[in-house]
N, C-alpha and C. Protein backbone atom coordinates (compact mmCIF):
# COMPACT_ATOMS: atom_id res chain seq x y z
N MET A 1 32.12 -41.45 -29.73
CA MET A 1 31.34 -42.36 -30.57
C MET A 1 30.44 -41.51 -31.47
N ASP A 2 30.44 -41.83 -32.77
CA ASP A 2 29.62 -41.04 -33.67
C ASP A 2 28.14 -41.43 -33.55
N GLU A 3 27.30 -40.61 -34.12
CA GLU A 3 25.85 -40.77 -33.99
C GLU A 3 25.35 -42.10 -34.54
N THR A 4 25.89 -42.54 -35.68
CA THR A 4 25.45 -43.81 -36.27
C THR A 4 25.82 -44.97 -35.38
N LYS A 5 27.04 -44.99 -34.84
CA LYS A 5 27.45 -46.07 -33.94
C LYS A 5 26.59 -46.08 -32.68
N PHE A 6 26.25 -44.90 -32.16
CA PHE A 6 25.39 -44.81 -30.99
C PHE A 6 24.01 -45.38 -31.30
N LEU A 7 23.49 -45.09 -32.49
CA LEU A 7 22.21 -45.63 -32.92
C LEU A 7 22.28 -47.16 -33.02
N VAL A 8 23.34 -47.68 -33.62
CA VAL A 8 23.52 -49.13 -33.74
C VAL A 8 23.54 -49.77 -32.35
N ASN A 9 24.31 -49.21 -31.43
CA ASN A 9 24.39 -49.76 -30.08
C ASN A 9 23.06 -49.67 -29.33
N THR A 10 22.33 -48.59 -29.54
CA THR A 10 21.03 -48.43 -28.90
C THR A 10 20.06 -49.50 -29.41
N ILE A 11 20.06 -49.74 -30.71
CA ILE A 11 19.19 -50.77 -31.30
C ILE A 11 19.57 -52.14 -30.76
N ILE A 12 20.85 -52.46 -30.71
CA ILE A 12 21.29 -53.76 -30.20
C ILE A 12 20.84 -53.94 -28.75
N ASN A 13 21.03 -52.92 -27.94
CA ASN A 13 20.61 -53.01 -26.53
C ASN A 13 19.11 -53.25 -26.40
N ALA A 14 18.32 -52.56 -27.22
CA ALA A 14 16.87 -52.74 -27.19
C ALA A 14 16.49 -54.16 -27.60
N LEU A 15 17.16 -54.71 -28.60
CA LEU A 15 16.89 -56.08 -29.03
C LEU A 15 17.27 -57.08 -27.95
N GLN A 16 18.40 -56.86 -27.31
CA GLN A 16 18.85 -57.77 -26.27
C GLN A 16 17.92 -57.74 -25.05
N GLU A 17 17.36 -56.58 -24.75
CA GLU A 17 16.43 -56.47 -23.62
C GLU A 17 15.21 -57.38 -23.80
N LYS A 18 14.81 -57.60 -25.04
CA LYS A 18 13.65 -58.44 -25.34
C LYS A 18 14.06 -59.82 -25.86
N LYS A 19 15.30 -60.20 -25.57
CA LYS A 19 15.82 -61.55 -25.89
C LYS A 19 15.85 -61.84 -27.39
N GLY A 20 16.17 -60.83 -28.20
CA GLY A 20 16.37 -61.05 -29.62
C GLY A 20 17.51 -62.04 -29.83
N LYS A 21 17.39 -62.87 -30.82
CA LYS A 21 18.38 -63.93 -31.08
C LYS A 21 19.12 -63.69 -32.39
N ARG A 22 20.34 -64.21 -32.44
CA ARG A 22 21.18 -64.19 -33.64
C ARG A 22 21.28 -62.78 -34.23
N ILE A 23 21.59 -61.81 -33.39
CA ILE A 23 21.74 -60.42 -33.84
C ILE A 23 23.03 -60.31 -34.64
N VAL A 24 22.92 -59.69 -35.80
CA VAL A 24 24.07 -59.50 -36.69
C VAL A 24 24.07 -58.05 -37.15
N THR A 25 25.24 -57.43 -37.15
CA THR A 25 25.38 -56.11 -37.77
C THR A 25 26.20 -56.27 -39.03
N MET A 26 25.82 -55.54 -40.05
CA MET A 26 26.55 -55.55 -41.32
C MET A 26 26.94 -54.12 -41.64
N ASP A 27 28.24 -53.86 -41.67
CA ASP A 27 28.76 -52.53 -41.98
C ASP A 27 28.82 -52.41 -43.50
N LEU A 28 27.93 -51.61 -44.05
CA LEU A 28 27.83 -51.42 -45.49
C LEU A 28 28.50 -50.13 -45.95
N SER A 29 29.08 -49.40 -45.00
CA SER A 29 29.60 -48.06 -45.32
C SER A 29 30.70 -48.08 -46.38
N GLY A 30 31.41 -49.16 -46.52
CA GLY A 30 32.47 -49.24 -47.53
C GLY A 30 32.02 -49.81 -48.85
N LEU A 31 30.76 -50.16 -48.97
CA LEU A 31 30.26 -50.78 -50.20
C LEU A 31 29.59 -49.75 -51.09
N GLU A 32 30.03 -49.70 -52.33
CA GLU A 32 29.45 -48.77 -53.30
C GLU A 32 28.00 -49.13 -53.57
N GLY A 33 27.14 -48.14 -53.57
CA GLY A 33 25.74 -48.34 -53.90
C GLY A 33 24.88 -48.83 -52.74
N SER A 34 25.44 -48.91 -51.54
CA SER A 34 24.64 -49.37 -50.41
C SER A 34 23.61 -48.29 -50.04
N ILE A 35 22.49 -48.74 -49.51
CA ILE A 35 21.39 -47.82 -49.22
C ILE A 35 21.48 -47.20 -47.83
N CYS A 36 22.40 -47.70 -47.01
CA CYS A 36 22.59 -47.16 -45.66
C CYS A 36 23.98 -47.56 -45.18
N LYS A 37 24.33 -47.15 -43.98
CA LYS A 37 25.65 -47.50 -43.44
C LYS A 37 25.66 -48.86 -42.76
N TYR A 38 24.55 -49.21 -42.11
CA TYR A 38 24.47 -50.48 -41.38
C TYR A 38 23.13 -51.16 -41.60
N PHE A 39 23.17 -52.49 -41.70
CA PHE A 39 22.01 -53.35 -41.56
C PHE A 39 22.16 -54.03 -40.21
N ILE A 40 21.07 -54.15 -39.50
CA ILE A 40 21.03 -54.99 -38.30
C ILE A 40 19.94 -56.02 -38.55
N VAL A 41 20.29 -57.29 -38.33
CA VAL A 41 19.35 -58.38 -38.54
C VAL A 41 19.22 -59.13 -37.23
N CYS A 42 17.99 -59.50 -36.92
CA CYS A 42 17.69 -60.17 -35.65
C CYS A 42 16.49 -61.08 -35.88
N GLN A 43 16.28 -62.00 -34.96
CA GLN A 43 15.08 -62.81 -35.06
C GLN A 43 14.43 -63.00 -33.70
N GLY A 44 13.12 -63.20 -33.76
CA GLY A 44 12.32 -63.58 -32.61
C GLY A 44 11.68 -64.91 -32.92
N ASN A 45 11.30 -65.65 -31.90
CA ASN A 45 10.76 -67.00 -32.11
C ASN A 45 9.34 -67.00 -32.63
N THR A 46 8.58 -65.95 -32.34
CA THR A 46 7.17 -65.87 -32.73
C THR A 46 6.87 -64.47 -33.27
N THR A 47 5.72 -64.34 -33.89
CA THR A 47 5.32 -63.01 -34.36
C THR A 47 5.12 -62.06 -33.18
N THR A 48 4.67 -62.58 -32.05
CA THR A 48 4.51 -61.74 -30.86
C THR A 48 5.86 -61.20 -30.41
N GLN A 49 6.89 -62.05 -30.41
CA GLN A 49 8.22 -61.58 -30.01
C GLN A 49 8.80 -60.62 -31.04
N VAL A 50 8.58 -60.87 -32.32
CA VAL A 50 9.05 -59.95 -33.36
C VAL A 50 8.44 -58.57 -33.14
N SER A 51 7.16 -58.51 -32.83
CA SER A 51 6.51 -57.23 -32.54
C SER A 51 7.11 -56.57 -31.30
N ALA A 52 7.35 -57.36 -30.26
CA ALA A 52 7.94 -56.82 -29.03
C ALA A 52 9.34 -56.29 -29.28
N LEU A 53 10.11 -56.96 -30.13
CA LEU A 53 11.46 -56.50 -30.46
C LEU A 53 11.41 -55.16 -31.19
N SER A 54 10.54 -55.04 -32.18
CA SER A 54 10.46 -53.77 -32.92
C SER A 54 9.92 -52.65 -32.03
N ASP A 55 8.96 -52.96 -31.17
CA ASP A 55 8.45 -51.95 -30.24
C ASP A 55 9.53 -51.48 -29.29
N SER A 56 10.35 -52.41 -28.82
CA SER A 56 11.45 -52.07 -27.92
C SER A 56 12.44 -51.13 -28.60
N VAL A 57 12.77 -51.42 -29.84
CA VAL A 57 13.69 -50.56 -30.59
C VAL A 57 13.07 -49.18 -30.77
N TRP A 58 11.82 -49.13 -31.21
CA TRP A 58 11.14 -47.86 -31.43
C TRP A 58 11.21 -47.01 -30.16
N ASP A 59 10.84 -47.61 -29.02
CA ASP A 59 10.81 -46.88 -27.76
C ASP A 59 12.20 -46.45 -27.29
N LYS A 60 13.16 -47.35 -27.35
CA LYS A 60 14.50 -47.07 -26.84
C LYS A 60 15.20 -46.01 -27.70
N VAL A 61 15.08 -46.10 -29.01
CA VAL A 61 15.72 -45.10 -29.88
C VAL A 61 15.07 -43.74 -29.66
N TYR A 62 13.76 -43.71 -29.52
CA TYR A 62 13.10 -42.42 -29.28
C TYR A 62 13.53 -41.84 -27.93
N GLU A 63 13.60 -42.71 -26.92
CA GLU A 63 13.99 -42.27 -25.58
C GLU A 63 15.42 -41.73 -25.55
N GLN A 64 16.34 -42.42 -26.23
CA GLN A 64 17.75 -42.06 -26.17
C GLN A 64 18.16 -40.99 -27.19
N LEU A 65 17.57 -41.06 -28.39
CA LEU A 65 18.01 -40.19 -29.49
C LEU A 65 16.92 -39.24 -29.99
N HIS A 66 15.72 -39.40 -29.50
CA HIS A 66 14.57 -38.58 -29.94
C HIS A 66 14.35 -38.71 -31.45
N GLU A 67 14.55 -39.94 -31.95
CA GLU A 67 14.33 -40.22 -33.37
C GLU A 67 13.28 -41.30 -33.53
N LYS A 68 12.46 -41.13 -34.55
CA LYS A 68 11.52 -42.16 -34.97
C LYS A 68 12.02 -42.69 -36.31
N PRO A 69 11.66 -43.92 -36.66
CA PRO A 69 12.08 -44.42 -37.97
C PRO A 69 11.47 -43.59 -39.10
N LEU A 70 12.21 -43.47 -40.19
CA LEU A 70 11.69 -42.79 -41.37
C LEU A 70 10.55 -43.59 -41.99
N GLY A 71 10.61 -44.89 -41.78
CA GLY A 71 9.57 -45.79 -42.27
C GLY A 71 9.69 -47.12 -41.55
N ALA A 72 8.57 -47.82 -41.48
CA ALA A 72 8.54 -49.16 -40.89
C ALA A 72 7.46 -49.95 -41.60
N ILE A 73 7.81 -51.17 -41.99
CA ILE A 73 6.83 -52.02 -42.68
C ILE A 73 6.81 -53.40 -42.01
N GLY A 74 5.69 -54.08 -42.19
CA GLY A 74 5.54 -55.43 -41.68
C GLY A 74 5.02 -55.51 -40.26
N MET A 75 4.64 -54.38 -39.68
CA MET A 75 4.21 -54.36 -38.28
C MET A 75 2.94 -55.21 -38.05
N LYS A 76 2.05 -55.23 -38.99
CA LYS A 76 0.79 -55.95 -38.81
C LYS A 76 1.00 -57.47 -38.81
N GLU A 77 1.76 -57.96 -39.79
CA GLU A 77 1.97 -59.41 -39.91
C GLU A 77 3.05 -59.89 -38.95
N ALA A 78 4.05 -59.06 -38.70
CA ALA A 78 5.15 -59.33 -37.76
C ALA A 78 5.92 -60.61 -38.07
N GLN A 79 6.05 -60.93 -39.36
CA GLN A 79 6.91 -62.02 -39.76
C GLN A 79 8.28 -61.49 -40.19
N TRP A 80 8.28 -60.30 -40.75
CA TRP A 80 9.50 -59.58 -41.10
C TRP A 80 9.18 -58.10 -40.97
N ILE A 81 9.77 -57.48 -39.98
CA ILE A 81 9.57 -56.04 -39.78
C ILE A 81 10.87 -55.34 -40.17
N ALA A 82 10.75 -54.34 -41.02
CA ALA A 82 11.90 -53.53 -41.43
C ALA A 82 11.66 -52.11 -40.94
N MET A 83 12.69 -51.57 -40.29
CA MET A 83 12.63 -50.20 -39.76
C MET A 83 13.80 -49.42 -40.34
N ASP A 84 13.50 -48.27 -40.94
CA ASP A 84 14.51 -47.45 -41.61
C ASP A 84 14.82 -46.23 -40.76
N TYR A 85 16.06 -46.18 -40.26
CA TYR A 85 16.52 -45.01 -39.50
C TYR A 85 17.49 -44.16 -40.31
N GLY A 86 17.43 -44.27 -41.62
CA GLY A 86 18.29 -43.48 -42.50
C GLY A 86 19.65 -44.13 -42.67
N THR A 87 20.51 -44.00 -41.69
CA THR A 87 21.85 -44.59 -41.78
C THR A 87 21.85 -46.05 -41.35
N VAL A 88 20.78 -46.48 -40.69
CA VAL A 88 20.68 -47.85 -40.18
C VAL A 88 19.32 -48.43 -40.55
N MET A 89 19.35 -49.66 -41.08
CA MET A 89 18.13 -50.40 -41.39
C MET A 89 18.09 -51.61 -40.47
N LEU A 90 16.97 -51.79 -39.79
CA LEU A 90 16.77 -52.94 -38.91
C LEU A 90 15.81 -53.91 -39.56
N HIS A 91 16.15 -55.19 -39.51
CA HIS A 91 15.29 -56.26 -40.01
C HIS A 91 15.09 -57.26 -38.88
N VAL A 92 13.83 -57.46 -38.48
CA VAL A 92 13.50 -58.43 -37.44
C VAL A 92 12.61 -59.49 -38.06
N PHE A 93 13.06 -60.73 -37.99
CA PHE A 93 12.39 -61.84 -38.66
C PHE A 93 11.91 -62.91 -37.69
N ILE A 94 10.92 -63.70 -38.13
CA ILE A 94 10.71 -65.01 -37.53
C ILE A 94 11.72 -65.93 -38.23
N PRO A 95 12.13 -67.05 -37.61
CA PRO A 95 13.24 -67.84 -38.15
C PRO A 95 13.10 -68.30 -39.60
N ASN A 96 11.93 -68.80 -40.01
CA ASN A 96 11.83 -69.31 -41.39
C ASN A 96 11.92 -68.21 -42.43
N MET A 97 11.44 -67.01 -42.11
CA MET A 97 11.56 -65.88 -43.05
C MET A 97 13.02 -65.41 -43.14
N ARG A 98 13.70 -65.42 -42.03
CA ARG A 98 15.11 -65.02 -42.04
C ARG A 98 15.92 -65.99 -42.90
N GLU A 99 15.65 -67.26 -42.74
CA GLU A 99 16.37 -68.27 -43.53
C GLU A 99 16.06 -68.11 -45.01
N TYR A 100 14.81 -67.85 -45.35
CA TYR A 100 14.39 -67.72 -46.75
C TYR A 100 15.07 -66.52 -47.42
N TYR A 101 15.07 -65.36 -46.77
CA TYR A 101 15.61 -64.15 -47.39
C TYR A 101 17.12 -64.03 -47.25
N ASN A 102 17.70 -64.61 -46.22
CA ASN A 102 19.15 -64.75 -46.06
C ASN A 102 19.91 -63.45 -46.39
N LEU A 103 19.54 -62.38 -45.72
CA LEU A 103 20.17 -61.07 -45.98
C LEU A 103 21.67 -61.08 -45.74
N GLU A 104 22.12 -61.87 -44.78
CA GLU A 104 23.56 -61.94 -44.51
C GLU A 104 24.33 -62.40 -45.74
N ASN A 105 23.76 -63.31 -46.51
CA ASN A 105 24.41 -63.80 -47.72
C ASN A 105 24.31 -62.78 -48.86
N LEU A 106 23.20 -62.06 -48.92
CA LEU A 106 23.03 -61.04 -49.96
C LEU A 106 24.08 -59.95 -49.86
N TRP A 107 24.47 -59.61 -48.63
CA TRP A 107 25.45 -58.57 -48.38
C TRP A 107 26.75 -59.19 -47.87
N ALA A 108 27.17 -60.28 -48.50
CA ALA A 108 28.34 -61.03 -48.04
C ALA A 108 29.64 -60.21 -48.08
N ASP A 109 29.70 -59.14 -48.88
CA ASP A 109 30.90 -58.30 -48.94
C ASP A 109 31.00 -57.34 -47.76
N ALA A 110 29.94 -57.23 -46.99
CA ALA A 110 29.93 -56.32 -45.84
C ALA A 110 30.76 -56.91 -44.70
N ASP A 111 31.19 -56.04 -43.80
CA ASP A 111 31.86 -56.46 -42.58
C ASP A 111 30.78 -56.91 -41.61
N VAL A 112 30.68 -58.22 -41.37
CA VAL A 112 29.60 -58.80 -40.57
C VAL A 112 30.10 -59.08 -39.15
N THR A 113 29.32 -58.64 -38.17
CA THR A 113 29.64 -58.90 -36.77
C THR A 113 28.45 -59.60 -36.12
N GLU A 114 28.71 -60.77 -35.54
CA GLU A 114 27.69 -61.50 -34.82
C GLU A 114 27.72 -61.08 -33.36
N ILE A 115 26.57 -60.71 -32.83
CA ILE A 115 26.45 -60.28 -31.44
C ILE A 115 26.00 -61.50 -30.63
N PRO A 116 26.74 -61.85 -29.59
CA PRO A 116 26.35 -63.03 -28.80
C PRO A 116 24.96 -62.87 -28.18
N ASP A 117 24.20 -63.97 -28.17
CA ASP A 117 22.90 -63.97 -27.52
C ASP A 117 23.09 -63.80 -26.02
N ILE A 118 22.15 -63.10 -25.41
CA ILE A 118 22.12 -62.98 -23.95
C ILE A 118 21.17 -64.04 -23.44
N LEU A 119 21.65 -64.83 -22.53
CA LEU A 119 20.82 -65.94 -22.02
C LEU A 119 19.95 -65.51 -20.88
């Protein structure tokens, strides 16, 4: 498994540990002009859960890969947190913000994979 795929799987596992919902991966590697190889989109029900999801990813990726994000924004408001890992961008939303920005539709040409929720 290559490093990017391992990073994607690590992020997904961290999100699932904190009950992230509607996790989607978008493979952008075949799209000209894309800013990274993968987008991962997820949602939490509240700003508290959105913060917990991003914290879980930060901790798990550092623990497994010894990497910190190149940048992270939205941590204070926790309505939409974006974390940049270079080849992978993570977006964690509260539901109404996810619906408003609709990133899955913006990157409709990408290979989209829906990850089943863990109950």
